[in-house]
Amino acid sequence: MKIVIVEDEVMIARRIRKFCKNILQNRLEAMHHFYTLEDAEDYLDTHEIDLLLLDLNLNNRDGFDLLKNKLAASYHTIVISANAERALEAFEYGVLDFVAKPFKQDRLEKALDRLESNTKAGIGASKFLSIKKHGRIKLINTEEIRYIRATGHYSEIVLMDGSTQLHDKNLEKILLTLPHHFERVHKSYALTLSQVRTLHKYPGSRYELELINGEIIPLGRTRYAEVKGKLKSN
């Protein structure tokens, strides 16, 4: 795992580094620490990482400035901050977890486990999904999403208006931060079941979902029973 820490307090930064080394051990490939948003952003512009550990109050600069600029990046972000009242806001913008200061190693371990075990965020999962378009970040309300389709290491976000936007995160990473009503219905598709009109079953254990706009989405064999049950209960 490649980690970047953005923290302006020396002792806290050392604490985070120590905890990460203790928790990840040989799974930790690289770890870099920056005191300022500017230095962190310069590094992130030219390097690929897996995880950003971000403070919100950095020499009177707001860590959200970096978060909002990098929302569409392929890595996840865990906020580590004393500003606990901003936790809901952070989750709405798609962070994986919010660790309130002061914290112990087991709390950071829980946050890192969420990343490695593909467990969705708890409270207040993302209200927005961000895309990078023409060099700028555009926020999309998750309620505007019809479905998400995996395309290699990226994802296509298909919106209610029929337009398609490309996201740098793969489907697994996007699902970690989305609200819980988004369902993985196929290895390459995720959606909310409110978009489904009916389920079609064909010979040879082939299944499809017909959406309310008439589009057809494949339904994976391993997902059939669970999705069928949820559609009946809705």
Protein backbone atom coordinates (compact mmCIF):
# COMPACT_ATOMS: atom_id res chain seq x y z
CA MET A 1 0.00 0.00 0.00
CA LYS A 2 1.25 3.49 -0.89
CA ILE A 3 0.19 6.16 1.62
CA VAL A 4 0.44 9.94 1.78
CA ILE A 5 -0.01 11.72 5.13
CA VAL A 6 -0.90 15.42 5.20
CA GLU A 7 -0.45 16.69 8.76
CA ASP A 8 1.21 19.87 10.05
CA GLU A 9 1.79 18.72 13.64
CA VAL A 10 5.06 16.82 13.92
CA MET A 11 4.12 14.59 16.87
CA ILE A 12 0.80 13.57 15.35
CA ALA A 13 2.45 12.83 12.00
CA ARG A 14 4.98 10.60 13.77
CA ARG A 15 2.14 8.86 15.58
CA ILE A 16 0.30 8.19 12.34
CA ARG A 17 3.46 6.85 10.68
CA LYS A 18 4.16 4.56 13.63
CA PHE A 19 0.60 3.24 13.72
CA CYS A 20 0.56 2.61 9.96
CA LYS A 21 3.82 0.66 10.17
CA ASN A 22 2.51 -1.39 13.10
CA ILE A 23 -0.80 -2.15 11.41
CA LEU A 24 0.29 -2.76 7.83
CA GLN A 25 3.81 -4.16 8.37
CA ASN A 26 4.99 -5.77 5.10
CA ARG A 27 1.83 -4.62 3.30
CA LEU A 28 3.16 -1.05 3.45
CA GLU A 29 5.04 -0.29 0.25
CA ALA A 30 5.69 3.45 0.66
CA MET A 31 4.67 6.29 2.97
CA HIS A 32 5.25 10.01 2.45
CA HIS A 33 4.44 12.89 4.79
CA PHE A 34 3.75 16.51 3.86
CA TYR A 35 3.18 19.49 6.13
CA THR A 36 1.34 21.66 3.60
CA LEU A 37 -1.50 21.23 1.14
CA GLU A 38 0.62 22.71 -1.63
CA ASP A 39 3.43 20.15 -1.25
CA ALA A 40 0.94 17.30 -0.99
CA GLU A 41 -0.93 18.41 -4.09
CA ASP A 42 2.30 18.70 -6.11
CA TYR A 43 3.17 15.13 -5.14
CA LEU A 44 -0.30 13.75 -5.82
CA ASP A 45 -0.30 15.32 -9.27
CA THR A 46 2.62 13.14 -10.35
CA HIS A 47 2.43 9.98 -8.22
CA GLU A 48 -0.04 7.13 -7.83
CA ILE A 49 -1.05 6.22 -4.28
CA ASP A 50 -3.63 4.00 -2.59
CA LEU A 51 -4.57 6.10 0.43
CA LEU A 52 -4.52 9.72 1.58
CA LEU A 53 -4.55 10.41 5.35
CA LEU A 54 -5.67 14.02 5.59
CA ASP A 55 -5.92 16.56 8.40
CA LEU A 56 -8.44 19.37 7.92
CA ASN A 57 -6.69 22.24 9.73
CA LEU A 58 -3.28 22.81 8.15
CA ASN A 59 -1.57 26.11 9.01
CA ASN A 60 -4.98 27.77 8.83
CA ARG A 61 -5.69 26.11 5.47
CA ASP A 62 -8.71 23.86 5.07
CA GLY A 63 -7.89 20.26 4.13
CA PHE A 64 -11.17 20.17 2.23
CA ASP A 65 -9.49 22.34 -0.41
CA LEU A 66 -7.26 19.38 -1.27
CA LEU A 67 -10.05 16.84 -0.85
CA LYS A 68 -12.37 18.63 -3.25
CA ASN A 69 -9.61 19.07 -5.83
CA LYS A 70 -8.76 15.36 -5.70
CA LEU A 71 -12.22 13.83 -5.30
CA ALA A 72 -12.11 12.12 -8.67
CA ALA A 73 -8.73 10.51 -8.00
CA SER A 74 -8.36 6.74 -7.92
CA TYR A 75 -7.22 6.57 -4.28
CA HIS A 76 -9.28 6.69 -1.09
CA THR A 77 -9.12 9.32 1.63
CA ILE A 78 -9.36 8.94 5.40
CA VAL A 79 -9.70 12.21 7.29
CA ILE A 80 -7.87 12.47 10.64
CA SER A 81 -9.06 15.60 12.38
CA ALA A 82 -10.11 17.18 15.67
CA ASN A 83 -13.01 18.82 13.83
CA ALA A 84 -15.46 15.99 14.51
CA GLU A 85 -18.41 18.22 13.62
CA ARG A 86 -17.27 18.00 9.97
CA ALA A 87 -17.51 14.21 9.80
CA LEU A 88 -20.87 14.15 8.02
CA GLU A 89 -19.65 16.68 5.46
CA ALA A 90 -16.56 14.56 4.85
CA PHE A 91 -18.61 11.40 4.28
CA GLU A 92 -20.89 13.25 1.89
CA TYR A 93 -17.84 14.06 -0.22
CA GLY A 94 -16.80 10.44 -0.38
CA VAL A 95 -14.11 9.89 2.25
CA LEU A 96 -13.70 6.30 3.37
CA ASP A 97 -13.61 7.11 7.09
CA PHE A 98 -13.27 9.96 9.58
CA VAL A 99 -10.90 9.38 12.51
CA ALA A 100 -11.40 11.94 15.27
CA LYS A 101 -8.40 13.23 17.23
CA PRO A 102 -7.19 12.14 19.71
CA PHE A 103 -7.14 8.53 18.52
CA LYS A 104 -5.51 5.22 19.36
CA GLN A 105 -3.97 2.63 17.08
CA ASP A 106 -7.06 0.40 17.10
CA ARG A 107 -9.20 3.22 15.68
CA LEU A 108 -6.83 3.78 12.77
CA GLU A 109 -6.64 0.01 12.28
CA LYS A 110 -10.41 -0.13 11.93
CA ALA A 111 -10.26 2.55 9.25
CA LEU A 112 -7.51 0.75 7.34
CA ASP A 113 -9.40 -2.55 7.62
CA ARG A 114 -12.34 -0.89 5.90
CA LEU A 115 -10.13 -0.20 2.91
CA GLU A 116 -8.67 -3.70 2.75
CA SER A 117 -11.87 -5.62 3.47
CA ASN A 118 -14.06 -3.67 1.00
CA THR A 119 -16.48 -2.63 3.76
CA LYS A 120 -18.75 0.28 2.93
CA ALA A 121 -18.54 3.49 4.89
CA GLY A 122 -20.77 3.63 7.94
CA ILE A 123 -22.56 6.92 8.57
CA GLY A 124 -23.49 9.42 5.93
CA ALA A 125 -22.08 7.66 2.85
CA SER A 126 -21.36 9.83 -0.16
CA LYS A 127 -24.00 12.28 -1.20
CA PHE A 128 -21.81 13.26 -4.14
CA LEU A 129 -19.69 11.46 -6.68
CA SER A 130 -17.06 13.50 -8.42
CA ILE A 131 -15.76 13.36 -11.97
CA LYS A 132 -12.90 15.16 -13.64
CA LYS A 133 -14.04 16.97 -16.77
CA HIS A 134 -11.99 19.40 -18.85
CA GLY A 135 -9.50 19.67 -16.00
CA ARG A 136 -12.14 20.59 -13.42
CA ILE A 137 -13.99 18.65 -10.73
CA LYS A 138 -17.73 18.26 -11.17
CA LEU A 139 -19.90 16.95 -8.34
CA ILE A 140 -22.77 14.61 -9.19
CA ASN A 141 -25.52 13.96 -6.68
CA THR A 142 -25.74 10.19 -6.20
CA GLU A 143 -29.51 10.44 -6.72
CA GLU A 144 -28.78 11.37 -10.35
CA ILE A 145 -27.04 8.02 -11.03
CA ARG A 146 -28.96 5.41 -13.04
CA TYR A 147 -26.22 2.77 -12.88
CA ILE A 148 -22.45 2.34 -12.80
CA ARG A 149 -20.59 0.15 -15.26
CA ALA A 150 -17.04 -1.16 -14.76
CA THR A 151 -14.66 -0.54 -17.63
CA GLY A 152 -11.22 -1.91 -16.79
CA HIS A 153 -9.59 0.13 -14.03
CA TYR A 154 -12.20 2.88 -14.43
CA SER A 155 -15.97 3.22 -14.15
CA GLU A 156 -18.65 4.73 -16.34
CA ILE A 157 -21.30 6.67 -14.44
CA VAL A 158 -24.57 6.57 -16.39
CA LEU A 159 -26.89 9.37 -15.30
CA MET A 160 -30.65 9.77 -15.35
CA ASP A 161 -30.42 12.15 -18.30
CA GLY A 162 -28.70 9.43 -20.35
CA SER A 163 -25.23 10.98 -20.31
CA THR A 164 -22.17 8.97 -19.34
CA GLN A 165 -19.25 10.24 -17.28
CA LEU A 166 -15.91 8.50 -16.69
CA HIS A 167 -14.58 8.09 -13.13
CA ASP A 168 -10.96 7.28 -12.23
CA LYS A 169 -11.97 4.89 -9.44
CA ASN A 170 -12.85 1.31 -10.27
CA LEU A 171 -16.26 -0.07 -9.36
CA GLU A 172 -15.08 -1.69 -6.11
CA LYS A 173 -13.63 1.58 -4.81
CA ILE A 174 -16.69 3.61 -5.78
CA LEU A 175 -19.03 1.20 -4.01
CA LEU A 176 -17.08 1.57 -0.76
CA THR A 177 -18.29 5.14 -0.38
CA LEU A 178 -21.74 5.07 -2.00
CA PRO A 179 -24.98 4.85 0.03
CA HIS A 180 -25.93 1.32 1.03
CA HIS A 181 -28.88 1.11 -1.37
CA PHE A 182 -26.47 0.80 -4.31
CA GLU A 183 -26.30 -2.91 -5.18
CA ARG A 184 -23.62 -4.84 -7.04
CA VAL A 185 -25.84 -6.83 -9.41
CA HIS A 186 -23.08 -8.11 -11.70
CA LYS A 187 -19.29 -8.08 -11.75
CA SER A 188 -19.51 -5.07 -14.07
CA TYR A 189 -22.69 -3.29 -12.88
CA ALA A 190 -24.10 -1.57 -9.80
CA LEU A 191 -27.34 0.35 -9.34
CA THR A 192 -30.19 1.09 -6.95
CA LEU A 193 -33.01 -1.45 -7.21
CA SER A 194 -35.53 1.40 -7.47
CA GLN A 195 -34.33 1.65 -11.09
CA VAL A 196 -35.49 -1.91 -11.85
CA ARG A 197 -38.85 -2.53 -13.53
CA THR A 198 -38.65 -6.32 -13.72
CA LEU A 199 -36.32 -9.31 -13.57
CA HIS A 200 -36.06 -11.67 -16.54
CA LYS A 201 -34.99 -15.32 -16.23
CA TYR A 202 -33.85 -17.30 -19.27
CA PRO A 203 -32.78 -20.92 -19.90
CA GLY A 204 -29.21 -21.73 -18.97
CA SER A 205 -29.29 -19.68 -15.75
CA ARG A 206 -29.13 -16.37 -17.58
CA TYR A 207 -30.72 -13.37 -15.90
CA GLU A 208 -31.33 -9.74 -16.81
CA LEU A 209 -32.75 -6.64 -15.16
CA GLU A 210 -35.05 -4.41 -17.17
CA LEU A 211 -34.80 -0.83 -15.95
CA ILE A 212 -37.67 1.62 -15.80
CA ASN A 213 -36.26 3.43 -18.83
CA GLY A 214 -36.21 0.18 -20.85
CA GLU A 215 -32.47 -0.52 -20.67
CA ILE A 216 -31.33 -4.08 -20.01
CA ILE A 217 -28.61 -4.82 -17.43
CA PRO A 218 -27.11 -8.30 -16.87
CA LEU A 219 -27.71 -9.89 -13.48
CA GLY A 220 -24.99 -12.21 -12.18
CA ARG A 221 -25.91 -15.79 -11.29
CA THR A 222 -24.55 -15.43 -7.77
CA ARG A 223 -26.64 -12.29 -7.23
CA TYR A 224 -29.94 -13.65 -8.57
CA ALA A 225 -31.51 -15.00 -5.36
CA GLU A 226 -30.63 -11.97 -3.23
CA VAL A 227 -31.72 -9.41 -5.82
CA LYS A 228 -34.97 -11.32 -6.48
CA GLY A 229 -35.73 -11.33 -2.75
CA LYS A 230 -35.07 -7.62 -2.37
CA LEU A 231 -37.22 -6.76 -5.39
CA LYS A 232 -40.12 -8.74 -3.91
CA SER A 233 -39.82 -6.97 -0.57
CA ASN A 234 -39.80 -3.49 -2.14
